[in-house]
PDB file of N, CA and C in Angstrom:
ATOM      1  N   MET A   1     100.700  18.595  17.325  1.00  0.00           N
ATOM      2  CA  MET A   1     102.044  19.603  18.313  1.00  0.00           C
ATOM      3  C   MET A   1     103.449  18.745  17.477  1.00  0.00           C
ATOM      4  N   ARG A   2     102.940  17.465  16.928  1.00  0.00           N
ATOM      5  CA  ARG A   2     104.600  16.791  15.827  1.00  0.00           C
ATOM      6  C   ARG A   2     104.761  18.299  15.241  1.00  0.00           C
ATOM      7  N   ARG A   3     103.749  18.699  14.202  1.00  0.00           N
ATOM      8  CA  ARG A   3     104.314  20.050  13.003  1.00  0.00           C
ATOM      9  C   ARG A   3     104.935  20.892  13.864  1.00  0.00           C
ATOM     10  N   PHE A   4     104.314  21.311  15.351  1.00  0.00           N
ATOM     11  CA  PHE A   4     104.983  22.659  15.236  1.00  0.00           C
ATOM     12  C   PHE A   4     106.116  22.209  15.849  1.00  0.00           C
ATOM     13  N   LEU A   5     106.801  21.360  16.463  1.00  0.00           N
ATOM     14  CA  LEU A   5     107.715  20.550  16.593  1.00  0.00           C
ATOM     15  C   LEU A   5     108.693  20.488  15.722  1.00  0.00           C
ATOM     16  N   ILE A   6     108.342  20.102  15.053  1.00  0.00           N
ATOM     17  CA  ILE A   6     109.524  19.665  13.459  1.00  0.00           C
ATOM     18  C   ILE A   6     109.676  21.182  12.830  1.00  0.00           C
ATOM     19  N   ILE A   7     108.831  22.077  12.955  1.00  0.00           N
ATOM     20  CA  ILE A   7     108.711  23.286  12.298  1.00  0.00           C
ATOM     21  C   ILE A   7     110.075  23.784  13.559  1.00  0.00           C
ATOM     22  N   LEU A   8     109.540  24.089  14.512  1.00  0.00           N
ATOM     23  CA  LEU A   8     110.797  24.932  15.705  1.00  0.00           C
ATOM     24  C   LEU A   8     112.103  24.317  15.044  1.00  0.00           C
ATOM     25  N   PHE A   9     112.424  22.891  15.275  1.00  0.00           N
ATOM     26  CA  PHE A   9     113.263  22.337  15.123  1.00  0.00           C
ATOM     27  C   PHE A   9     114.551  22.878  13.748  1.00  0.00           C
ATOM     28  N   PHE A  10     113.311  22.797  12.180  1.00  0.00           N
ATOM     29  CA  PHE A  10     114.261  23.229  11.596  1.00  0.00           C
ATOM     30  C   PHE A  10     114.673  24.964  11.534  1.00  0.00           C
ATOM     31  N   SER A  11     113.085  25.493  12.336  1.00  0.00           N
ATOM     32  CA  SER A  11     113.828  26.719  12.737  1.00  0.00           C
ATOM     33  C   SER A  11     115.137  27.218  13.342  1.00  0.00           C
ATOM     34  N   ILE A  12     115.574  26.797  14.119  1.00  0.00           N
ATOM     35  CA  ILE A  12     116.575  26.669  15.245  1.00  0.00           C
ATOM     36  C   ILE A  12     117.427  25.761  14.640  1.00  0.00           C
ATOM     37  N   LEU A  13     117.755  24.602  13.732  1.00  0.00           N
ATOM     38  CA  LEU A  13     119.036  24.457  12.894  1.00  0.00           C
ATOM     39  C   LEU A  13     119.278  26.131  12.268  1.00  0.00           C
ATOM     40  N   ILE A  14     118.585  26.294  11.307  1.00  0.00           N
ATOM     41  CA  ILE A  14     118.496  27.477  10.519  1.00  0.00           C
ATOM     42  C   ILE A  14     119.137  28.092  10.679  1.00  0.00           C
ATOM     43  N   THR A  15     118.269  28.883  11.842  1.00  0.00           N
ATOM     44  CA  THR A  15     119.125  29.836  12.583  1.00  0.00           C
ATOM     45  C   THR A  15     120.656  29.735  13.093  1.00  0.00           C
ATOM     46  N   CYS A  16     120.948  28.216  13.629  1.00  0.00           N
ATOM     47  CA  CYS A  16     121.993  28.131  13.758  1.00  0.00           C
ATOM     48  C   CYS A  16     123.111  28.030  12.789  1.00  0.00           C
ATOM     49  N   CYS A  17     122.872  27.782  11.316  1.00  0.00           N
ATOM     50  CA  CYS A  17     123.137  27.598  10.254  1.00  0.00           C
ATOM     51  C   CYS A  17     123.576  29.449   9.845  1.00  0.00           C
ATOM     52  N   ILE A  18     122.697  29.901   9.445  1.00  0.00           N
ATOM     53  CA  ILE A  18     122.824  31.642   9.259  1.00  0.00           C
ATOM     54  C   ILE A  18     123.929  31.581  10.420  1.00  0.00           C
ATOM     55  N   GLY A  19     123.905  31.633  11.764  1.00  0.00           N
ATOM     56  CA  GLY A  19     124.781  32.238  12.653  1.00  0.00           C
ATOM     57  C   GLY A  19     125.818  31.720  12.054  1.00  0.00           C
ATOM     58  N   PHE A  20     126.288  30.810  11.956  1.00  0.00           N
ATOM     59  CA  PHE A  20     127.435  30.257  11.338  1.00  0.00           C
ATOM     60  C   PHE A  20     128.163  30.916  10.207  1.00  0.00           C
ATOM     61  N   TYR A  21     127.620  30.771   9.231  1.00  0.00           N
ATOM     62  CA  TYR A  21     127.635  31.346   7.960  1.00  0.00           C
ATOM     63  C   TYR A  21     128.106  33.277   8.195  1.00  0.00           C
ATOM     64  N   ILE A  22     127.300  33.238   8.835  1.00  0.00           N
ATOM     65  CA  ILE A  22     127.304  35.556   9.308  1.00  0.00           C
ATOM     66  C   ILE A  22     128.688  35.581  10.195  1.00  0.00           C
ATOM     67  N   LYS A  23     129.245  34.355  10.907  1.00  0.00           N
ATOM     68  CA  LYS A  23     130.250  34.731  11.900  1.00  0.00           C
ATOM     69  C   LYS A  23     131.774  34.791  11.297  1.00  0.00           C
ATOM     70  N   PRO A  24     131.636  35.186  10.249  1.00  0.00           N
ATOM     71  CA  PRO A  24     133.219  35.106   9.842  1.00  0.00           C
ATOM     72  C   PRO A  24     133.311  36.890   9.104  1.00  0.00           C
ATOM     73  N   ASP A  25     132.125  37.214   8.890  1.00  0.00           N
ATOM     74  CA  ASP A  25     131.755  38.853   8.569  1.00  0.00           C
ATOM     75  C   ASP A  25     131.347  39.591  10.018  1.00  0.00           C
ATOM     76  N   ASN A  26     130.572  39.093  10.983  1.00  0.00           N
ATOM     77  CA  ASN A  26     129.929  39.926  11.888  1.00  0.00           C
ATOM     78  C   ASN A  26     130.582  38.779  13.217  1.00  0.00           C
ATOM     79  N   THR A  27     131.177  38.685  14.172  1.00  0.00           N
ATOM     80  CA  THR A  27     131.005  37.988  15.123  1.00  0.00           C
ATOM     81  C   THR A  27     130.617  37.873  16.006  1.00  0.00           C
ATOM     82  N   SER A  28     129.795  39.501  16.728  1.00  0.00           N
ATOM     83  CA  SER A  28     129.011  39.834  16.896  1.00  0.00           C
ATOM     84  C   SER A  28     127.625  38.903  17.187  1.00  0.00           C
ATOM     85  N   THR A  29     126.789  39.469  16.105  1.00  0.00           N
ATOM     86  CA  THR A  29     125.835  38.615  15.018  1.00  0.00           C
ATOM     87  C   THR A  29     125.642  37.583  15.196  1.00  0.00           C
ATOM     88  N   GLY A  30     126.948  36.931  14.672  1.00  0.00           N
ATOM     89  CA  GLY A  30     127.189  35.306  14.173  1.00  0.00           C
ATOM     90  C   GLY A  30     126.985  34.456  15.995  1.00  0.00           C
ATOM     91  N   ASP A  31     128.008  35.170  17.002  1.00  0.00           N
ATOM     92  CA  ASP A  31     127.436  34.351  18.233  1.00  0.00           C
ATOM     93  C   ASP A  31     126.206  34.354  18.911  1.00  0.00           C
ATOM     94  N   LEU A  32     125.673  36.062  18.740  1.00  0.00           N
ATOM     95  CA  LEU A  32     123.835  36.180  19.480  1.00  0.00           C
ATOM     96  C   LEU A  32     123.474  34.733  18.780  1.00  0.00           C
ATOM     97  N   LEU A  33     123.017  34.525  17.408  1.00  0.00           N
ATOM     98  CA  LEU A  33     122.228  33.532  16.917  1.00  0.00           C
ATOM     99  C   LEU A  33     122.726  32.311  17.204  1.00  0.00           C
ATOM    100  N   ILE A  34     123.834  31.991  16.973  1.00  0.00           N
ATOM    101  CA  ILE A  34     124.519  30.415  17.514  1.00  0.00           C
ATOM    102  C   ILE A  34     123.609  30.288  19.050  1.00  0.00           C
ATOM    103  N   GLY A  35     124.225  31.029  19.740  1.00  0.00           N
ATOM    104  CA  GLY A  35     123.866  31.136  21.258  1.00  0.00           C
ATOM    105  C   GLY A  35     122.188  30.886  21.184  1.00  0.00           C
ATOM    106  N   LEU A  36     121.297  32.060  20.780  1.00  0.00           N
ATOM    107  CA  LEU A  36     120.248  31.960  20.603  1.00  0.00           C
ATOM    108  C   LEU A  36     119.623  30.696  20.454  1.00  0.00           C
ATOM    109  N   SER A  37     119.682  29.986  19.032  1.00  0.00           N
ATOM    110  CA  SER A  37     119.357  28.878  18.448  1.00  0.00           C
ATOM    111  C   SER A  37     119.973  27.341  19.908  1.00  0.00           C
ATOM    112  N   VAL A  38     121.214  27.672  20.532  1.00  0.00           N
ATOM    113  CA  VAL A  38     121.398  26.145  21.340  1.00  0.00           C
ATOM    114  C   VAL A  38     119.899  26.629  22.517  1.00  0.00           C
ATOM    115  N   ALA A  39     120.578  27.641  22.958  1.00  0.00           N
ATOM    116  CA  ALA A  39     119.418  27.638  24.090  1.00  0.00           C
ATOM    117  C   ALA A  39     117.912  27.486  24.082  1.00  0.00           C
ATOM    118  N   GLY A  40     117.393  27.755  22.552  1.00  0.00           N
ATOM    119  CA  GLY A  40     116.331  27.581  22.014  1.00  0.00           C
ATOM    120  C   GLY A  40     115.803  25.711  22.512  1.00  0.00           C
ATOM    121  N   LEU A  41     117.358  25.807  21.777  1.00  0.00           N
ATOM    122  CA  LEU A  41     116.969  24.228  21.159  1.00  0.00           C
ATOM    123  C   LEU A  41     116.579  23.283  22.522  1.00  0.00           C
ATOM    124  N   PHE A  42     118.026  23.444  23.717  1.00  0.00           N
ATOM    125  CA  PHE A  42     117.667  22.994  24.898  1.00  0.00           C
ATOM    126  C   PHE A  42     116.314  22.979  25.841  1.00  0.00           C
ATOM    127  N   LEU A  43     116.007  24.931  25.743  1.00  0.00           N
ATOM    128  CA  LEU A  43     115.363  25.390  26.836  1.00  0.00           C
ATOM    129  C   LEU A  43     113.957  25.276  26.292  1.00  0.00           C
ATOM    130  N   VAL A  44     113.679  25.474  25.282  1.00  0.00           N
ATOM    131  CA  VAL A  44     112.312  25.306  24.601  1.00  0.00           C
ATOM    132  C   VAL A  44     111.609  24.142  23.998  1.00  0.00           C
ATOM    133  N   TRP A  45     112.778  23.767  22.774  1.00  0.00           N
ATOM    134  CA  TRP A  45     112.772  22.352  22.384  1.00  0.00           C
ATOM    135  C   TRP A  45     112.616  21.217  22.883  1.00  0.00           C
ATOM    136  N   MET A  46     113.666  20.914  23.550  1.00  0.00           N
ATOM    137  CA  MET A  46     113.749  19.788  24.314  1.00  0.00           C
ATOM    138  C   MET A  46     112.589  19.293  24.959  1.00  0.00           C
ATOM    139  N   PRO A  47     112.463  20.475  26.259  1.00  0.00           N
ATOM    140  CA  PRO A  47     111.495  19.820  26.672  1.00  0.00           C
ATOM    141  C   PRO A  47     109.618  19.579  26.477  1.00  0.00           C
ATOM    142  N   LEU A  48     109.449  20.584  24.972  1.00  0.00           N
ATOM    143  CA  LEU A  48     108.190  20.552  24.654  1.00  0.00           C
ATOM    144  C   LEU A  48     108.222  18.422  24.255  1.00  0.00           C
ATOM    145  N   PHE A  49     109.486  18.436  23.326  1.00  0.00           N
ATOM    146  CA  PHE A  49     109.968  16.951  22.558  1.00  0.00           C
ATOM    147  C   PHE A  49     109.704  16.132  23.809  1.00  0.00           C
ATOM    148  N   ILE A  50     110.114  15.997  25.141  1.00  0.00           N
ATOM    149  CA  ILE A  50     109.922  15.077  26.404  1.00  0.00           C
ATOM    150  C   ILE A  50     108.840  15.276  26.273  1.00  0.00           C
ATOM    151  N   TYR A  51     108.144  16.315  26.600  1.00  0.00           N
ATOM    152  CA  TYR A  51     106.604  16.477  27.025  1.00  0.00           C
ATOM    153  C   TYR A  51     105.669  14.897  25.872  1.00  0.00           C
ATOM    154  N   HIS A  52     105.949  16.163  24.717  1.00  0.00           N
ATOM    155  CA  HIS A  52     104.922  14.966  23.819  1.00  0.00           C
ATOM    156  C   HIS A  52     105.044  13.778  23.601  1.00  0.00           C
ATOM    157  N   ARG A  53     106.175  13.172  23.879  1.00  0.00           N
ATOM    158  CA  ARG A  53     106.794  11.734  23.904  1.00  0.00           C
ATOM    159  C   ARG A  53     106.080  10.872  25.032  1.00  0.00           C
ATOM    160  N   TRP A  54     106.057  11.269  26.017  1.00  0.00           N
ATOM    161  CA  TRP A  54     105.755  10.958  27.573  1.00  0.00           C
ATOM    162  C   TRP A  54     103.931  10.990  27.637  1.00  0.00           C
ATOM    163  N   LYS A  55     103.612  11.550  26.863  1.00  0.00           N
ATOM    164  CA  LYS A  55     102.122  12.138  27.205  1.00  0.00           C
ATOM    165  C   LYS A  55     100.768  10.713  27.412  1.00  0.00           C
ATOM    166  N   GLY A  56     100.707  10.688  28.089  1.00  0.00           N
ATOM    167  CA  GLY A  56      99.865   9.711  27.873  1.00  0.00           C
ATOM    168  C   GLY A  56      99.948   8.648  28.533  1.00  0.00           C
ATOM    169  N   LYS A  57     101.972   8.402  28.814  1.00  0.00           N
ATOM    170  CA  LYS A  57     102.236   6.979  28.863  1.00  0.00           C
ATOM    171  C   LYS A  57     102.359   6.913  30.582  1.00  0.00           C
ATOM    172  N   ASN A  58     102.465   5.860  30.715  1.00  0.00           N
ATOM    173  CA  ASN A  58     102.698   5.188  32.150  1.00  0.00           C
ATOM    174  C   ASN A  58     103.705   5.256  32.958  1.00  0.00           C
ATOM    175  N   VAL A  59     104.463   5.528  34.138  1.00  0.00           N
ATOM    176  CA  VAL A  59     105.515   6.210  34.020  1.00  0.00           C
ATOM    177  C   VAL A  59     105.625   4.675  35.240  1.00  0.00           C
ATOM    178  N   LYS A  60     104.875   3.775  35.322  1.00  0.00           N
ATOM    179  CA  LYS A  60     105.060   2.813  36.202  1.00  0.00           C
ATOM    180  C   LYS A  60     105.461   1.439  35.075  1.00  0.00           C
ATOM    181  N   ASP A  61     105.287   1.389  34.061  1.00  0.00           N
ATOM    182  CA  ASP A  61     105.768   0.425  33.055  1.00  0.00           C
ATOM    183  C   ASP A  61     106.928   0.347  32.354  1.00  0.00           C
ATOM    184  N   TYR A  62     108.005   1.921  32.799  1.00  0.00           N
ATOM    185  CA  TYR A  62     109.417   2.053  32.986  1.00  0.00           C
ATOM    186  C   TYR A  62     110.491   1.592  33.998  1.00  0.00           C
ATOM    187  N   MET A  63     109.418   1.297  35.096  1.00  0.00           N
ATOM    188  CA  MET A  63     110.372   1.044  36.546  1.00  0.00           C
ATOM    189  C   MET A  63     110.512  -0.079  36.697  1.00  0.00           C
ATOM    190  N   LEU A  64     111.507  -0.767  37.197  1.00  0.00           N
ATOM    191  CA  LEU A  64     111.751  -1.534  38.002  1.00  0.00           C
ATOM    192  C   LEU A  64     111.565  -1.792  39.468  1.00  0.00           C
ATOM    193  N   THR A  65     110.140  -2.559  39.289  1.00  0.00           N
ATOM    194  CA  THR A  65     109.831  -3.085  40.281  1.00  0.00           C
ATOM    195  C   THR A  65     109.326  -5.010  40.395  1.00  0.00           C
ATOM    196  N   LYS A  66     109.160  -5.091  41.431  1.00  0.00           N
ATOM    197  CA  LYS A  66     109.245  -6.728  41.719  1.00  0.00           C
ATOM    198  C   LYS A  66     108.290  -7.218  40.462  1.00  0.00           C
ATOM    199  N   GLU A  67     107.636  -6.892  40.222  1.00  0.00           N
ATOM    200  CA  GLU A  67     105.876  -7.043  39.027  1.00  0.00           C
ATOM    201  C   GLU A  67     106.915  -7.213  37.743  1.00  0.00           C
ATOM    202  N   ASN A  68     107.238  -6.692  37.515  1.00  0.00           N
ATOM    203  CA  ASN A  68     108.148  -6.011  36.124  1.00  0.00           C
ATOM    204  C   ASN A  68     109.435  -7.164  35.814  1.00  0.00           C
ATOM    205  N   ILE A  69     110.109  -7.340  36.848  1.00  0.00           N
ATOM    206  CA  ILE A  69     111.202  -8.227  37.114  1.00  0.00           C
ATOM    207  C   ILE A  69     110.540  -9.429  36.358  1.00  0.00           C
ATOM    208  N   GLU A  70     109.620  -9.958  37.241  1.00  0.00           N
ATOM    209  CA  GLU A  70     108.825 -11.338  37.231  1.00  0.00           C
ATOM    210  C   GLU A  70     108.669 -11.786  35.277  1.00  0.00           C
ATOM    211  N   LYS A  71     107.511 -10.001  35.228  1.00  0.00           N
ATOM    212  CA  LYS A  71     107.379 -10.190  33.957  1.00  0.00           C
ATOM    213  C   LYS A  71     108.118 -10.600  32.821  1.00  0.00           C
ATOM    214  N   MET A  72     109.968 -10.162  32.857  1.00  0.00           N
ATOM    215  CA  MET A  72     111.118 -10.413  32.552  1.00  0.00           C
ATOM    216  C   MET A  72     111.235 -11.541  32.287  1.00  0.00           C
ATOM    217  N   ARG A  73     111.656 -11.933  34.023  1.00  0.00           N
ATOM    218  CA  ARG A  73     112.601 -13.401  33.524  1.00  0.00           C
ATOM    219  C   ARG A  73     110.877 -14.485  32.984  1.00  0.00           C
ATOM    220  N   ASP A  74     109.777 -14.921  33.065  1.00  0.00           N
ATOM    221  CA  ASP A  74     108.866 -15.270  32.165  1.00  0.00           C
ATOM    222  C   ASP A  74     109.135 -15.076  31.042  1.00  0.00           C
ATOM    223  N   TYR A  75     109.345 -13.716  30.237  1.00  0.00           N
ATOM    224  CA  TYR A  75     109.198 -13.568  28.788  1.00  0.00           C
ATOM    225  C   TYR A  75     110.259 -14.186  28.170  1.00  0.00           C
ATOM    226  N   SER A  76     111.448 -14.465  28.909  1.00  0.00           N
ATOM    227  CA  SER A  76     112.713 -14.794  28.755  1.00  0.00           C
ATOM    228  C   SER A  76     112.479 -16.295  28.863  1.00  0.00           C
ATOM    229  N   LYS A  77     112.349 -16.800  29.532  1.00  0.00           N
ATOM    230  CA  LYS A  77     111.975 -18.419  30.115  1.00  0.00           C
ATOM    231  C   LYS A  77     110.981 -18.967  28.563  1.00  0.00           C
ATOM    232  N   ASP A  78     109.828 -18.173  28.064  1.00  0.00           N
ATOM    233  CA  ASP A  78     108.834 -18.214  26.564  1.00  0.00           C
ATOM    234  C   ASP A  78     110.071 -18.214  25.653  1.00  0.00           C
ATOM    235  N   LYS A  79     110.747 -17.090  25.778  1.00  0.00           N
ATOM    236  CA  LYS A  79     111.552 -16.999  24.654  1.00  0.00           C
ATOM    237  C   LYS A  79     112.192 -18.585  24.604  1.00  0.00           C
ATOM    238  N   LYS A  80     113.207 -19.136  25.313  1.00  0.00           N
ATOM    239  CA  LYS A  80     113.745 -20.170  25.483  1.00  0.00           C
ATOM    240  C   LYS A  80     113.286 -20.938  24.996  1.00  0.00           C
ATOM    241  N   LEU A  81     112.292 -21.472  24.745  1.00  0.00           N
ATOM    242  CA  LEU A  81     111.176 -22.814  24.415  1.00  0.00           C
ATOM    243  C   LEU A  81     110.867 -22.909  23.253  1.00  0.00           C
TER     244      LEU A  81
END
């Protein structure tokens, strides 16, 4: 999954660069490539990246619950000593 995300990111980046390179000569094709790369980045790559990073993690570890607040207080007390 990591390699797929890296390959997809660089292909989107290359498509965007090609769009900016072509834009002065052929405006419609350049705009199309830039638009497709931005849409691919935010509608395809970003959700896949977020899913990959959060897979297997517990969301309750990152929520402010009473137990987590007490853990933080205990941790800060231990650090001061």
